[in-house]
Amino acid sequence: MSYVIYDESNLNKIVEVTRWKRSYKSMAAAKAAVTRASKVYWKDCARNNTEYQINLDPQFIYGVAESEHYYAKLERQVERVNLMSGEKFMESVNTPYYCSPSSETYWSM
């Protein structure tokens, strides 16, 4: 079982809070990553003498969910057209462009 951090405002974006991590082994690890990102935001505000805005703090804009629940219930799907057959299909918005049958890159590999 793994957990993901997602943007609560649009529910269609998995957030990479740390540089190379998209999923976490436990809920506690995911929440700790959000807390660390919030602390970095606070330090950046203090260092740059900018005003703290609650709508930009990671603790208030990111949510944590089990990956199976996120993909089944929360993630948004888009309708795309297969480049070769012309058929319409539903696809996750988090699918990389080069992995989508609607792209030329997918068919040229």
Protein backbone atom coordinates (compact mmCIF):
# COMPACT_ATOMS: atom_id res chain seq x y z
CA MET A 1 0.00 0.00 0.00
CA SER A 2 1.33 3.43 -0.89
CA TYR A 3 0.18 7.01 -0.42
CA VAL A 4 0.25 10.04 -2.70
CA ILE A 5 0.13 13.80 -2.12
CA TYR A 6 -2.32 15.63 -4.37
CA ASP A 7 -3.37 19.21 -4.97
CA GLU A 8 -6.77 19.71 -3.30
CA SER A 9 -7.76 22.67 -5.45
CA ASN A 10 -8.10 20.74 -8.70
CA LEU A 11 -7.73 17.07 -7.64
CA ASN A 12 -6.01 16.18 -10.88
CA LYS A 13 -2.41 16.66 -9.99
CA ILE A 14 -0.16 14.41 -7.95
CA VAL A 15 2.40 16.61 -6.27
CA GLU A 16 6.07 15.82 -6.01
CA VAL A 17 6.83 17.58 -2.75
CA THR A 18 10.35 16.23 -2.68
CA ARG A 19 12.32 16.13 -5.86
CA TRP A 20 12.06 12.50 -6.92
CA LYS A 21 9.25 11.06 -4.86
CA ARG A 22 5.67 10.61 -6.09
CA SER A 23 4.50 8.00 -3.56
CA TYR A 24 5.20 7.17 0.06
CA LYS A 25 5.13 3.89 1.99
CA SER A 26 3.03 5.20 4.88
CA MET A 27 0.56 7.96 5.67
CA ALA A 28 2.98 9.34 8.25
CA ALA A 29 5.77 9.65 5.69
CA ALA A 30 3.50 11.51 3.27
CA LYS A 31 2.28 13.90 5.98
CA ALA A 32 5.87 14.48 7.10
CA ALA A 33 6.81 15.45 3.52
CA VAL A 34 3.98 18.01 3.48
CA THR A 35 5.13 19.39 6.83
CA ARG A 36 8.71 19.72 5.56
CA ALA A 37 7.46 21.55 2.47
CA SER A 38 5.49 23.92 4.71
CA LYS A 39 8.58 24.69 6.77
CA VAL A 40 10.51 25.45 3.58
CA TYR A 41 7.71 27.81 2.52
CA TRP A 42 7.87 29.62 5.89
CA LYS A 43 11.66 29.98 5.62
CA ASP A 44 11.36 31.33 2.07
CA CYS A 45 8.82 33.92 3.24
CA ALA A 46 11.14 35.03 6.04
CA ARG A 47 14.24 35.07 3.83
CA ASN A 48 12.59 37.05 1.02
CA ASN A 49 10.63 39.37 3.36
CA THR A 50 7.37 38.39 1.68
CA GLU A 51 4.03 38.16 3.39
CA TYR A 52 2.84 34.70 4.45
CA GLN A 53 -0.27 33.64 2.52
CA ILE A 54 -2.31 30.75 3.85
CA ASN A 55 -3.52 29.81 0.36
CA LEU A 56 0.08 29.04 -0.65
CA ASP A 57 1.12 27.01 2.41
CA PRO A 58 1.49 23.30 1.47
CA GLN A 59 -0.26 22.18 4.67
CA PHE A 60 -3.46 23.83 3.48
CA ILE A 61 -3.39 23.15 -0.26
CA TYR A 62 -2.18 19.53 -0.40
CA GLY A 63 -4.02 16.39 0.65
CA VAL A 64 -2.80 12.87 1.32
CA ALA A 65 -4.64 9.78 0.08
CA GLU A 66 -4.04 6.09 -0.41
CA SER A 67 -2.96 5.61 -4.01
CA GLU A 68 -5.72 3.10 -4.88
CA HIS A 69 -8.38 5.47 -3.52
CA TYR A 70 -6.88 8.42 -5.37
CA TYR A 71 -6.79 6.65 -8.74
CA ALA A 72 -10.28 5.14 -8.31
CA LYS A 73 -12.21 8.05 -6.78
CA LEU A 74 -10.36 11.37 -6.96
CA GLU A 75 -8.28 11.50 -10.13
CA ARG A 76 -9.84 13.25 -13.08
CA GLN A 77 -10.14 11.48 -16.44
CA VAL A 78 -10.01 13.11 -19.85
CA GLU A 79 -11.29 11.92 -23.19
CA ARG A 80 -8.65 11.66 -25.88
CA VAL A 81 -8.47 10.32 -29.41
CA ASN A 82 -6.19 7.43 -30.38
CA LEU A 83 -3.80 8.73 -33.02
CA MET A 84 -3.77 5.54 -35.09
CA SER A 85 -7.35 4.28 -34.91
CA GLY A 86 -9.22 7.54 -34.30
CA GLU A 87 -11.22 5.96 -31.45
CA LYS A 88 -11.98 8.00 -28.33
CA PHE A 89 -10.82 6.70 -24.96
CA MET A 90 -10.62 7.85 -21.35
CA GLU A 91 -7.24 8.51 -19.81
CA SER A 92 -5.85 9.88 -16.56
CA VAL A 93 -4.70 13.48 -16.62
CA ASN A 94 -1.49 12.34 -14.92
CA THR A 95 -0.49 10.11 -17.85
CA PRO A 96 2.76 11.42 -19.34
CA TYR A 97 2.38 12.60 -22.91
CA TYR A 98 4.84 10.06 -24.30
CA CYS A 99 2.85 7.20 -22.69
CA SER A 100 -0.46 8.23 -24.24
CA PRO A 101 -1.75 6.55 -27.44
CA SER A 102 -2.96 10.01 -28.48
CA SER A 103 0.63 11.19 -29.04
CA GLU A 104 2.97 10.65 -31.93
CA THR A 105 5.81 9.91 -29.50
CA TYR A 106 3.95 6.85 -28.19
CA TRP A 107 3.64 5.34 -31.66
CA SER A 108 7.17 6.16 -32.81
CA MET A 109 8.97 4.29 -30.00
